[in-house]
Every structure is written in C-alpha cells, then in structure tokens.
C-alpha atoms as a PDB file:
ATOM      1  CA  MET A   1       0.000   0.000   0.000  1.00  0.00           C
ATOM      2  CA  ARG A   2       1.320   3.408  -1.005  1.00  0.00           C
ATOM      3  CA  TRP A   3       0.502   5.195   2.239  1.00  0.00           C
ATOM      4  CA  ALA A   4       1.187   2.298   4.638  1.00  0.00           C
ATOM      5  CA  GLY A   5       4.692   3.485   5.522  1.00  0.00           C
ATOM      6  CA  ALA A   6       3.535   7.038   6.205  1.00  0.00           C
ATOM      7  CA  VAL A   7       0.653   5.815   8.380  1.00  0.00           C
ATOM      8  CA  LEU A   8       3.032   3.600  10.364  1.00  0.00           C
ATOM      9  CA  ALA A   9       5.494   6.486  10.809  1.00  0.00           C
ATOM     10  CA  VAL A  10       2.788   8.837  12.084  1.00  0.00           C
ATOM     11  CA  GLY A  11       1.396   6.119  14.363  1.00  0.00           C
ATOM     12  CA  SER A  12       4.853   5.457  15.776  1.00  0.00           C
ATOM     13  CA  ALA A  13       5.462   9.163  16.444  1.00  0.00           C
ATOM     14  CA  CYS A  14       2.086   9.560  18.163  1.00  0.00           C
ATOM     15  CA  GLY A  15       2.693   6.443  20.241  1.00  0.00           C
ATOM     16  CA  PHE A  16       6.076   7.644  21.472  1.00  0.00           C
ATOM     17  CA  ALA A  17       4.470  11.018  22.241  1.00  0.00           C
ATOM     18  CA  PHE A  18       1.876   9.227  24.375  1.00  0.00           C
ATOM     19  CA  SER A  19       4.599   7.861  26.669  1.00  0.00           C
ATOM     20  CA  GLY A  20       5.555  11.338  27.917  1.00  0.00           C
ATOM     21  CA  PRO A  21       2.236  12.244  29.551  1.00  0.00           C
ATOM     22  CA  MET A  22       1.908   8.706  30.945  1.00  0.00           C
ATOM     23  CA  ALA A  23       5.405   8.920  32.451  1.00  0.00           C
ATOM     24  CA  LYS A  24       4.292  12.019  34.361  1.00  0.00           C
ATOM     25  CA  TYR A  25       1.768   9.872  36.215  1.00  0.00           C
ATOM     26  CA  LEU A  26       4.593   7.590  37.373  1.00  0.00           C
ATOM     27  CA  VAL A  27       6.669  10.575  38.493  1.00  0.00           C
ATOM     28  CA  ALA A  28       3.667  12.069  40.284  1.00  0.00           C
ATOM     29  CA  GLY A  29       3.240   8.697  42.009  1.00  0.00           C
ATOM     30  CA  GLY A  30       6.723   8.929  43.508  1.00  0.00           C
ATOM     31  CA  MET A  31       9.196   7.634  40.905  1.00  0.00           C
ATOM     32  CA  THR A  32      12.173   9.542  39.567  1.00  0.00           C
ATOM     33  CA  PRO A  33      12.394  10.081  35.781  1.00  0.00           C
ATOM     34  CA  VAL A  34      15.199   7.497  35.539  1.00  0.00           C
ATOM     35  CA  GLU A  35      13.105   4.932  37.418  1.00  0.00           C
ATOM     36  CA  ALA A  36      10.132   5.650  35.138  1.00  0.00           C
ATOM     37  CA  VAL A  37      12.309   5.079  32.063  1.00  0.00           C
ATOM     38  CA  TRP A  38      13.633   1.826  33.495  1.00  0.00           C
ATOM     39  CA  VAL A  39      10.236   0.313  34.345  1.00  0.00           C
ATOM     40  CA  ARG A  40       8.992   1.400  30.921  1.00  0.00           C
ATOM     41  CA  LEU A  41      11.774  -0.476  29.112  1.00  0.00           C
ATOM     42  CA  ALA A  42      11.695  -3.442  31.498  1.00  0.00           C
ATOM     43  CA  GLY A  43       7.961  -3.943  31.057  1.00  0.00           C
ATOM     44  CA  SER A  44       8.227  -3.561  27.287  1.00  0.00           C
ATOM     45  CA  GLY A  45      11.091  -6.049  27.028  1.00  0.00           C
ATOM     46  CA  VAL A  46       9.363  -8.653  29.201  1.00  0.00           C
ATOM     47  CA  LEU A  47       6.098  -8.269  27.284  1.00  0.00           C
ATOM     48  CA  MET A  48       7.776  -8.623  23.887  1.00  0.00           C
ATOM     49  CA  VAL A  49       9.808 -11.693  24.930  1.00  0.00           C
ATOM     50  CA  LEU A  50       6.767 -13.392  26.485  1.00  0.00           C
ATOM     51  CA  VAL A  51       4.511 -12.769  23.474  1.00  0.00           C
ATOM     52  CA  LEU A  52       7.135 -13.908  20.984  1.00  0.00           C
ATOM     53  CA  GLY A  53       8.058 -16.875  23.171  1.00  0.00           C
ATOM     54  CA  LEU A  54       4.433 -18.028  23.169  1.00  0.00           C
ATOM     55  CA  PHE A  55       3.478 -17.355  19.559  1.00  0.00           C
ATOM     56  CA  ARG A  56       6.717 -17.045  17.537  1.00  0.00           C
ATOM     57  CA  PRO A  57       9.554 -18.616  19.533  1.00  0.00           C
ATOM     58  CA  GLY A  58      11.702 -19.024  16.447  1.00  0.00           C
ATOM     59  CA  ALA A  59      11.776 -15.261  15.947  1.00  0.00           C
ATOM     60  CA  LEU A  60      13.733 -14.801  19.176  1.00  0.00           C
ATOM     61  CA  ARG A  61      16.735 -16.674  17.793  1.00  0.00           C
ATOM     62  CA  ILE A  62      19.458 -14.298  16.685  1.00  0.00           C
ATOM     63  CA  ALA A  63      22.330 -15.577  14.546  1.00  0.00           C
ATOM     64  CA  ARG A  64      25.677 -15.283  16.339  1.00  0.00           C
ATOM     65  CA  SER A  65      26.925 -13.035  13.544  1.00  0.00           C
ATOM     66  CA  ARG A  66      24.237 -10.462  14.444  1.00  0.00           C
ATOM     67  CA  TRP A  67      24.751 -10.394  18.230  1.00  0.00           C
ATOM     68  CA  THR A  68      27.022  -7.375  17.985  1.00  0.00           C
ATOM     69  CA  PHE A  69      24.457  -5.470  15.921  1.00  0.00           C
ATOM     70  CA  VAL A  70      21.645  -6.230  18.380  1.00  0.00           C
ATOM     71  CA  GLY A  71      23.892  -5.214  21.288  1.00  0.00           C
ATOM     72  CA  LEU A  72      24.723  -1.908  19.624  1.00  0.00           C
ATOM     73  CA  TYR A  73      21.040  -1.352  18.894  1.00  0.00           C
ATOM     74  CA  ALA A  74      20.171  -1.861  22.560  1.00  0.00           C
ATOM     75  CA  LEU A  75      23.006   0.407  23.682  1.00  0.00           C
ATOM     76  CA  THR A  76      22.642   3.283  21.215  1.00  0.00           C
ATOM     77  CA  ALA A  77      19.152   3.216  19.685  1.00  0.00           C
ATOM     78  CA  VAL A  78      17.358   2.521  22.980  1.00  0.00           C
ATOM     79  CA  ALA A  79      19.406   3.028  26.164  1.00  0.00           C
ATOM     80  CA  ALA A  80      21.618   5.923  25.050  1.00  0.00           C
ATOM     81  CA  VAL A  81      18.769   7.982  23.585  1.00  0.00           C
ATOM     82  CA  GLN A  82      16.846   7.761  26.859  1.00  0.00           C
ATOM     83  CA  THR A  83      19.824   8.423  29.141  1.00  0.00           C
ATOM     84  CA  LEU A  84      21.450  11.221  27.148  1.00  0.00           C
ATOM     85  CA  PHE A  85      18.169  13.068  26.741  1.00  0.00           C
ATOM     86  CA  PHE A  86      17.576  12.850  30.488  1.00  0.00           C
ATOM     87  CA  VAL A  87      21.010  14.350  31.166  1.00  0.00           C
ATOM     88  CA  ALA A  88      20.412  17.101  28.589  1.00  0.00           C
ATOM     89  CA  VAL A  89      17.084  18.027  30.194  1.00  0.00           C
ATOM     90  CA  THR A  90      18.760  18.378  33.593  1.00  0.00           C
ATOM     91  CA  ARG A  91      21.372  20.768  32.152  1.00  0.00           C
ATOM     92  CA  LEU A  92      19.354  22.772  29.610  1.00  0.00           C
ATOM     93  CA  PRO A  93      15.853  24.242  29.255  1.00  0.00           C
ATOM     94  CA  VAL A  94      13.490  21.467  28.151  1.00  0.00           C
ATOM     95  CA  GLY A  95      12.700  23.215  24.858  1.00  0.00           C
ATOM     96  CA  ILE A  96      16.368  23.466  23.892  1.00  0.00           C
ATOM     97  CA  ALA A  97      16.972  19.816  24.824  1.00  0.00           C
ATOM     98  CA  LEU A  98      13.989  18.739  22.701  1.00  0.00           C
ATOM     99  CA  LEU A  99      15.241  20.797  19.791  1.00  0.00           C
ATOM    100  CA  LEU A 100      18.718  19.257  19.985  1.00  0.00           C
ATOM    101  CA  VAL A 101      17.384  15.698  20.051  1.00  0.00           C
ATOM    102  CA  SER A 102      15.040  16.520  17.179  1.00  0.00           C
ATOM    103  CA  MET A 103      18.042  17.317  14.979  1.00  0.00           C
ATOM    104  CA  ALA A 104      18.061  13.591  14.147  1.00  0.00           C
ATOM    105  CA  PRO A 105      16.463  14.037  10.661  1.00  0.00           C
ATOM    106  CA  VAL A 106      19.222  16.439   9.616  1.00  0.00           C
ATOM    107  CA  LEU A 107      21.870  13.995  10.854  1.00  0.00           C
ATOM    108  CA  VAL A 108      20.224  11.112   8.997  1.00  0.00           C
ATOM    109  CA  VAL A 109      20.138  13.098   5.746  1.00  0.00           C
ATOM    110  CA  ALA A 110      23.783  14.129   6.229  1.00  0.00           C
ATOM    111  CA  TRP A 111      24.817  10.512   6.858  1.00  0.00           C
ATOM    112  CA  VAL A 112      23.011   9.230   3.771  1.00  0.00           C
ATOM    113  CA  ARG A 113      24.573  11.948   1.615  1.00  0.00           C
ATOM    114  CA  LEU A 114      28.145  11.984   2.998  1.00  0.00           C
ATOM    115  CA  VAL A 115      28.707   8.391   4.139  1.00  0.00           C
ATOM    116  CA  ARG A 116      26.417   6.319   1.935  1.00  0.00           C
ATOM    117  CA  ARG A 117      27.115   8.678  -0.962  1.00  0.00           C
ATOM    118  CA  LEU A 118      23.476   8.838  -2.032  1.00  0.00           C
ATOM    119  CA  ARG A 119      21.943  11.997  -3.481  1.00  0.00           C
ATOM    120  CA  LEU A 120      18.471  12.280  -2.022  1.00  0.00           C
ATOM    121  CA  PRO A 121      15.579  14.157  -3.658  1.00  0.00           C
ATOM    122  CA  ARG A 122      15.528  17.844  -2.782  1.00  0.00           C
ATOM    123  CA  SER A 123      12.247  17.407  -0.933  1.00  0.00           C
ATOM    124  CA  ALA A 124      13.994  15.107   1.567  1.00  0.00           C
ATOM    125  CA  TYR A 125      16.511  17.829   2.490  1.00  0.00           C
ATOM    126  CA  ALA A 126      13.832  20.504   2.536  1.00  0.00           C
ATOM    127  CA  GLY A 127      11.533  18.391   4.690  1.00  0.00           C
ATOM    128  CA  ALA A 128      14.211  17.797   7.327  1.00  0.00           C
ATOM    129  CA  VAL A 129      15.141  21.484   7.550  1.00  0.00           C
ATOM    130  CA  VAL A 130      11.526  22.688   7.599  1.00  0.00           C
ATOM    131  CA  ALA A 131      10.578  20.161  10.295  1.00  0.00           C
ATOM    132  CA  VAL A 132      13.446  21.232  12.566  1.00  0.00           C
ATOM    133  CA  ALA A 133      12.556  24.903  11.995  1.00  0.00           C
ATOM    134  CA  GLY A 134       8.989  24.132  13.006  1.00  0.00           C
ATOM    135  CA  LEU A 135      10.211  22.431  16.178  1.00  0.00           C
ATOM    136  CA  ALA A 136      12.257  25.530  17.031  1.00  0.00           C
ATOM    137  CA  ILE A 137       9.016  27.521  16.882  1.00  0.00           C
ATOM    138  CA  VAL A 138       7.103  24.931  18.945  1.00  0.00           C
ATOM    139  CA  VAL A 139       9.631  24.948  21.805  1.00  0.00           C
ATOM    140  CA  GLU A 140      10.217  28.720  21.474  1.00  0.00           C
ATOM    141  CA  ALA A 141      13.950  28.115  21.308  1.00  0.00           C
ATOM    142  CA  TRP A 142      14.730  31.834  21.574  1.00  0.00           C
ATOM    143  CA  ARG A 143      13.507  31.871  25.174  1.00  0.00           C
ATOM    144  CA  GLU A 144      15.732  30.987  28.140  1.00  0.00           C
ATOM    145  CA  ILE A 145      18.782  30.577  25.953  1.00  0.00           C
ATOM    146  CA  ARG A 146      21.195  29.102  28.460  1.00  0.00           C
ATOM    147  CA  LEU A 147      23.971  26.969  27.043  1.00  0.00           C
ATOM    148  CA  ASP A 148      25.778  24.403  29.135  1.00  0.00           C
ATOM    149  CA  GLY A 149      28.691  22.451  27.708  1.00  0.00           C
ATOM    150  CA  LEU A 150      27.656  19.060  29.065  1.00  0.00           C
ATOM    151  CA  GLY A 151      23.992  19.657  28.258  1.00  0.00           C
ATOM    152  CA  LEU A 152      24.818  20.697  24.693  1.00  0.00           C
ATOM    153  CA  ALA A 153      27.087  17.665  24.188  1.00  0.00           C
ATOM    154  CA  THR A 154      24.601  15.145  25.585  1.00  0.00           C
ATOM    155  CA  GLY A 155      21.735  16.690  23.595  1.00  0.00           C
ATOM    156  CA  LEU A 156      23.669  16.380  20.346  1.00  0.00           C
ATOM    157  CA  LEU A 157      24.781  12.840  21.238  1.00  0.00           C
ATOM    158  CA  ALA A 158      21.145  11.957  21.929  1.00  0.00           C
ATOM    159  CA  ALA A 159      20.278  13.291  18.454  1.00  0.00           C
ATOM    160  CA  ALA A 160      23.057  11.170  16.946  1.00  0.00           C
ATOM    161  CA  CYS A 161      21.785   8.056  18.752  1.00  0.00           C
ATOM    162  CA  SER A 162      18.232   8.859  17.647  1.00  0.00           C
ATOM    163  CA  ALA A 163      19.510   9.110  14.069  1.00  0.00           C
ATOM    164  CA  GLY A 164      21.211   5.755  14.639  1.00  0.00           C
ATOM    165  CA  TYR A 165      17.842   4.282  15.598  1.00  0.00           C
ATOM    166  CA  PHE A 166      16.430   5.130  12.164  1.00  0.00           C
ATOM    167  CA  LEU A 167      19.573   4.128  10.257  1.00  0.00           C
ATOM    168  CA  MET A 168      19.886   0.794  12.082  1.00  0.00           C
ATOM    169  CA  ASN A 169      16.210   0.009  11.515  1.00  0.00           C
ATOM    170  CA  GLU A 170      16.914   0.411   7.809  1.00  0.00           C
ATOM    171  CA  SER A 171      20.006  -1.779   7.675  1.00  0.00           C
ATOM    172  CA  PHE A 172      19.619  -4.860   9.885  1.00  0.00           C
ATOM    173  CA  GLY A 173      18.686  -7.163   7.003  1.00  0.00           C
ATOM    174  CA  ASP A 174      16.285 -10.072   6.664  1.00  0.00           C
ATOM    175  CA  GLU A 175      18.285 -12.389   8.959  1.00  0.00           C
ATOM    176  CA  VAL A 176      16.985 -10.543  12.048  1.00  0.00           C
ATOM    177  CA  ASP A 177      13.272 -10.516  12.820  1.00  0.00           C
ATOM    178  CA  PRO A 178      12.132  -6.921  13.481  1.00  0.00           C
ATOM    179  CA  LEU A 179      10.144  -8.009  16.531  1.00  0.00           C
ATOM    180  CA  ALA A 180      13.145  -9.854  17.955  1.00  0.00           C
ATOM    181  CA  LEU A 181      15.287  -6.766  17.425  1.00  0.00           C
ATOM    182  CA  ILE A 182      12.849  -4.700  19.485  1.00  0.00           C
ATOM    183  CA  ALA A 183      12.470  -7.375  22.155  1.00  0.00           C
ATOM    184  CA  TRP A 184      16.183  -7.926  22.731  1.00  0.00           C
ATOM    185  CA  GLY A 185      16.878  -4.212  22.232  1.00  0.00           C
ATOM    186  CA  THR A 186      14.588  -3.228  25.097  1.00  0.00           C
ATOM    187  CA  VAL A 187      15.832  -6.101  27.279  1.00  0.00           C
ATOM    188  CA  GLY A 188      19.443  -5.068  26.648  1.00  0.00           C
ATOM    189  CA  ALA A 189      18.637  -1.424  27.414  1.00  0.00           C
ATOM    190  CA  THR A 190      16.976  -2.522  30.654  1.00  0.00           C
ATOM    191  CA  VAL A 191      20.202  -4.234  31.727  1.00  0.00           C
ATOM    192  CA  VAL A 192      22.336  -1.244  30.727  1.00  0.00           C
ATOM    193  CA  LEU A 193      20.160   1.236  32.639  1.00  0.00           C
ATOM    194  CA  ALA A 194      19.806  -0.910  35.775  1.00  0.00           C
ATOM    195  CA  PRO A 195      22.767   0.650  37.684  1.00  0.00           C
ATOM    196  CA  PRO A 196      21.602   4.310  37.386  1.00  0.00           C
ATOM    197  CA  ALA A 197      17.949   3.345  37.907  1.00  0.00           C
ATOM    198  CA  SER A 198      18.616   1.125  40.975  1.00  0.00           C
ATOM    199  CA  PRO A 199      15.501  -1.024  40.456  1.00  0.00           C
ATOM    200  CA  TRP A 200      16.115  -2.721  43.816  1.00  0.00           C
ATOM    201  CA  ASP A 201      15.105   0.583  45.461  1.00  0.00           C
ATOM    202  CA  LEU A 202      12.040   1.300  43.311  1.00  0.00           C
ATOM    203  CA  PRO A 203       8.964   2.650  45.147  1.00  0.00           C
ATOM    204  CA  TRP A 204       6.725  -0.202  44.031  1.00  0.00           C
ATOM    205  CA  GLU A 205       3.908   1.131  46.204  1.00  0.00           C
ATOM    206  CA  ALA A 206       3.433   3.850  43.576  1.00  0.00           C
ATOM    207  CA  PHE A 207       1.523   1.347  41.432  1.00  0.00           C
ATOM    208  CA  ARG A 208      -1.201   1.163  44.090  1.00  0.00           C
ATOM    209  CA  THR A 209      -1.987   4.876  43.937  1.00  0.00           C
ATOM    210  CA  SER A 210      -4.075   7.121  41.687  1.00  0.00           C
ATOM    211  CA  VAL A 211      -2.824  10.578  40.747  1.00  0.00           C
ATOM    212  CA  ALA A 212      -3.873  13.565  38.662  1.00  0.00           C
ATOM    213  CA  PRO A 213      -0.706  15.452  37.664  1.00  0.00           C
ATOM    214  CA  GLY A 214      -2.755  17.836  35.554  1.00  0.00           C
ATOM    215  CA  GLY A 215      -6.303  17.194  34.480  1.00  0.00           C
ATOM    216  CA  VAL A 216      -7.318  13.525  34.199  1.00  0.00           C
ATOM    217  CA  GLU A 217      -6.910  11.236  37.221  1.00  0.00           C
ATOM    218  CA  LEU A 218      -5.630   7.738  36.517  1.00  0.00           C
ATOM    219  CA  PRO A 219      -4.338   4.823  38.579  1.00  0.00           C
ATOM    220  CA  VAL A 220      -0.546   4.766  38.199  1.00  0.00           C
ATOM    221  CA  LEU A 221      -0.723   1.099  37.178  1.00  0.00           C
ATOM    222  CA  VAL A 222      -3.127   1.923  34.326  1.00  0.00           C
ATOM    223  CA  ALA A 223      -0.889   4.769  33.149  1.00  0.00           C
ATOM    224  CA  TYR A 224       2.089   2.405  33.272  1.00  0.00           C
ATOM    225  CA  LEU A 225       0.379  -0.304  31.219  1.00  0.00           C
ATOM    226  CA  LEU A 226      -0.696   2.294  28.648  1.00  0.00           C
ATOM    227  CA  MET A 227       2.869   3.615  28.497  1.00  0.00           C
ATOM    228  CA  VAL A 228       4.295   0.127  27.938  1.00  0.00           C
ATOM    229  CA  VAL A 229       1.811  -1.079  25.316  1.00  0.00           C
ATOM    230  CA  ALA A 230       0.641   2.070  23.511  1.00  0.00           C
ATOM    231  CA  GLY A 231       3.669   4.263  24.252  1.00  0.00           C
ATOM    232  CA  THR A 232       6.553   1.840  23.739  1.00  0.00           C
ATOM    233  CA  VAL A 233       5.913  -1.600  22.232  1.00  0.00           C
ATOM    234  CA  LEU A 234       3.527  -0.549  19.464  1.00  0.00           C
ATOM    235  CA  PRO A 235       5.526   2.583  18.475  1.00  0.00           C
ATOM    236  CA  TYR A 236       8.744   0.552  18.240  1.00  0.00           C
ATOM    237  CA  VAL A 237       7.039  -2.111  16.120  1.00  0.00           C
ATOM    238  CA  TRP A 238       5.395   0.469  13.866  1.00  0.00           C
ATOM    239  CA  GLY A 239       8.616   2.503  13.677  1.00  0.00           C
ATOM    240  CA  VAL A 240      10.740  -0.398  12.468  1.00  0.00           C
ATOM    241  CA  HIS A 241       8.250  -1.299   9.754  1.00  0.00           C
ATOM    242  CA  ALA A 242       7.823   2.367   8.766  1.00  0.00           C
ATOM    243  CA  VAL A 243      11.555   2.718   8.102  1.00  0.00           C
ATOM    244  CA  ARG A 244      11.561  -0.498   6.086  1.00  0.00           C
ATOM    245  CA  ARG A 245       8.716   0.809   3.896  1.00  0.00           C
ATOM    246  CA  LEU A 246       9.977   4.390   3.590  1.00  0.00           C
ATOM    247  CA  SER A 247      13.622   5.147   4.338  1.00  0.00           C
ATOM    248  CA  ALA A 248      15.594   6.340   7.345  1.00  0.00           C
ATOM    249  CA  ALA A 249      15.568   9.943   6.067  1.00  0.00           C
ATOM    250  CA  VAL A 250      11.822  10.088   5.415  1.00  0.00           C
ATOM    251  CA  ALA A 251      10.842   8.224   8.611  1.00  0.00           C
ATOM    252  CA  ALA A 252      13.124  10.397  10.778  1.00  0.00           C
ATOM    253  CA  THR A 253      11.570  13.591   9.420  1.00  0.00           C
ATOM    254  CA  MET A 254       8.040  12.282   9.883  1.00  0.00           C
ATOM    255  CA  GLY A 255       9.042  11.277  13.405  1.00  0.00           C
ATOM    256  CA  THR A 256       9.292  14.954  14.373  1.00  0.00           C
ATOM    257  CA  ILE A 257       5.497  14.859  14.596  1.00  0.00           C
ATOM    258  CA  GLU A 258       6.129  13.250  18.010  1.00  0.00           C
ATOM    259  CA  VAL A 259       6.778  16.639  19.623  1.00  0.00           C
ATOM    260  CA  ILE A 260       3.502  18.047  18.276  1.00  0.00           C
ATOM    261  CA  ALA A 261       1.529  14.962  19.254  1.00  0.00           C
ATOM    262  CA  GLY A 262       3.097  15.085  22.718  1.00  0.00           C
ATOM    263  CA  ALA A 263       1.975  18.685  23.185  1.00  0.00           C
ATOM    264  CA  VAL A 264      -1.585  17.794  22.152  1.00  0.00           C
ATOM    265  CA  MET A 265      -1.690  14.786  24.491  1.00  0.00           C
ATOM    266  CA  ALA A 266      -0.256  16.832  27.357  1.00  0.00           C
ATOM    267  CA  TRP A 267      -3.062  19.329  26.730  1.00  0.00           C
ATOM    268  CA  GLY A 268      -5.661  16.550  26.851  1.00  0.00           C
ATOM    269  CA  PHE A 269      -4.346  14.547  29.821  1.00  0.00           C
ATOM    270  CA  LEU A 270      -2.371  17.072  31.856  1.00  0.00           C
ATOM    271  CA  GLY A 271      -4.162  20.322  31.133  1.00  0.00           C
ATOM    272  CA  GLU A 272      -1.058  21.955  29.641  1.00  0.00           C
ATOM    273  CA  THR A 273      -1.810  24.877  27.337  1.00  0.00           C
ATOM    274  CA  LEU A 274      -1.184  25.136  23.608  1.00  0.00           C
ATOM    275  CA  GLY A 275      -0.074  28.622  22.609  1.00  0.00           C
ATOM    276  CA  ALA A 276       0.077  30.349  19.254  1.00  0.00           C
ATOM    277  CA  PHE A 277       3.716  29.340  18.738  1.00  0.00           C
ATOM    278  CA  GLN A 278       2.931  25.665  19.379  1.00  0.00           C
ATOM    279  CA  ILE A 279       0.093  25.718  16.863  1.00  0.00           C
ATOM    280  CA  ALA A 280       2.063  27.660  14.222  1.00  0.00           C
ATOM    281  CA  GLY A 281       5.157  25.511  14.730  1.00  0.00           C
ATOM    282  CA  GLY A 282       3.044  22.390  14.477  1.00  0.00           C
ATOM    283  CA  VAL A 283       1.791  23.485  11.068  1.00  0.00           C
ATOM    284  CA  VAL A 284       5.390  24.046   9.920  1.00  0.00           C
ATOM    285  CA  VAL A 285       6.437  20.607  11.217  1.00  0.00           C
ATOM    286  CA  LEU A 286       3.562  18.994   9.325  1.00  0.00           C
ATOM    287  CA  CYS A 287       4.699  20.804   6.167  1.00  0.00           C
ATOM    288  CA  GLY A 288       8.162  19.321   6.670  1.00  0.00           C
ATOM    289  CA  ALA A 289       6.674  15.848   7.082  1.00  0.00           C
ATOM    290  CA  VAL A 290       4.654  16.273   3.877  1.00  0.00           C
ATOM    291  CA  LEU A 291       7.769  17.364   1.987  1.00  0.00           C
ATOM    292  CA  ALA A 292       9.653  14.324   3.267  1.00  0.00           C
ATOM    293  CA  ARG A 293       6.770  12.049   2.296  1.00  0.00           C
ATOM    294  CA  ARG A 294       6.909  13.431  -1.259  1.00  0.00           C
ATOM    295  CA  SER A 295      10.480  12.190  -1.598  1.00  0.00           C
ATOM    296  CA  GLN A 296       9.519   8.585  -0.861  1.00  0.00           C
ATOM    297  CA  HIS A 297       9.032   7.511  -4.469  1.00  0.00           C
ATOM    298  CA  ALA A 298      11.781   9.641  -6.002  1.00  0.00           C
ATOM    299  CA  PRO A 299      14.877   7.572  -6.847  1.00  0.00           C
ATOM    300  CA  ASP A 300      18.088   8.024  -4.849  1.00  0.00           C
ATOM    301  CA  ARG A 301      21.268   8.477  -6.882  1.00  0.00           C
ATOM    302  CA  VAL A 302      24.719   7.256  -5.968  1.00  0.00           C
ATOM    303  CA  LEU A 303      27.340  10.000  -6.038  1.00  0.00           C
ATOM    304  CA  ALA A 304      30.303   9.418  -8.287  1.00  0.00           C
END
C-alpha cells in the first residue's frame, strides 16, 4: 500500500508522544524520571519476549553473527537515547533539549549523503530542515537561551543516537526478525540502565496509587500499562516497519510529529496549554513531514 509506511510512521510518532504524559503519572506517584524510564523499558522487554516466546519462539533466535548489531542497537538506539536526553534536560531548558534531540532528521540526511554517498531528492533535504525549523518555533527556542557544555554535548549525542535508531532500523537485514530486534533491544537497554535506575530501590507502592498530575486522574498502574503497550511496544514495532517501507531519512523527518503529538496529548491529559507558537510551529512541522513524504518515491542516486 502506497501510504502504509507514512501511516506507520505517524502512528509510531504519536505512540512515542503518548509515553511522555503517561510517564508524568509515574513521576507524580513517587518515581524519579530514571526509574520511570527503566520500568517502561523493562515492562516492554518482558512483554515482547513473552509474546514472541508463546506465539513465535523461532523469531527470538538471533544468529551469532548479528549479536554485535543487536547489542549496539540496545546500547545506542534505545538506552543511550533515553539516558542522554535525560542528562540534557537536567542541564538545559526542556525546549532546547527537545530541539537538539530533534536534529536527528538532519543527521540522517547528512549521513546518507556523505557516508552512503546517495543523493536524495531535494524534498527530503527541505523536509528535514523545515521540520526542525517548526520544532524551534514549537519549543520557542529563543527563550531561556542558556547553554551548558555538558547539556549541549549530551543533547547532540542523543540526536546522533536517535539518528542511529532510524539508520539501524533500515540496515539490519532479513536475517533478524524486526520483533526480535525490538524485544532484545529493550531487554538489553533494561540491563544497561539498571545501575543508574537502581531497580532494587524502586517505590513499588506507587503502582497502588491514583494521581492527577494535571487534568485527568488515573491509577498509576493503568498509566504504566498504557505507556508500555501504547507508548513503547507498538511505536517501536510500527517505527521499524515504517523505516523499512519508507527510508531512514523520510521516517526520521516524519518522526518529528512526536513533539507536536506530545503537546496535544499533554493538553488533553495534563491540562497543559497550547499557545500560538505551538500551533504555528506544528503546522510548519507537518509541512516538513509532507515534503519528506513526497520524496519517498523519487529515486536516490549514488554520487560518483
């Protein structure tokens, strides 16, 4: 289907955006952001392994030659993105940190052009630039401009790892099942993030409470289950298949819709306001996504 890849990319972006508001319920229940990230990945990894183990056990087998790739995927595309973004947020204004991480489409386009030596359609370049410009408007990047060396470095590294997520989804080949890649990727990230998260000290009693961090009151356990299923597992599954149907460059640019979707969901669940800049920037981001989508069927050319 012609539009299947675009629908999957938008669905993935909206799903990842859904995890943010749900994570706020966990934090309001007494967890730290690092603990919320850890339980999110742990629950997602366990769920994926159990489902595949019951219905497609053969998919969990990874050829020895691909163990290194899966390990790097877990480390960079999952664990590093989460950890580096958290560090960036603690050192920079949230809007600036979001903008830095959302530079991923530009990095993907640069990698495809400079490393893979492919000349992409002009709409792919334009879409990436327009989308990032729209995000700058959404987060009002001109406000609270406060640069911190460590925050700037971790934000850019998070963008690079996010770009790696799209590039690796495009290149793992048919010998690795996409669902197994996600399952072992989240399990590996859970192991990597265990020391900073200290799961042995988690406030498990938080799951027995109900909170209303903004507008809608929910049991923390319900918010957690929604975050795992609708905000992690499904977006990862849809995201992998979106990249395979589109390309890393197109999917990364369409993924910037996540910031807009997150703002809308925060408005609905948490009562956060949407200002004129968020609405205007959202329109610009959507224009960038449309431009990127137009490049899907244009042929790439190898540079001489």
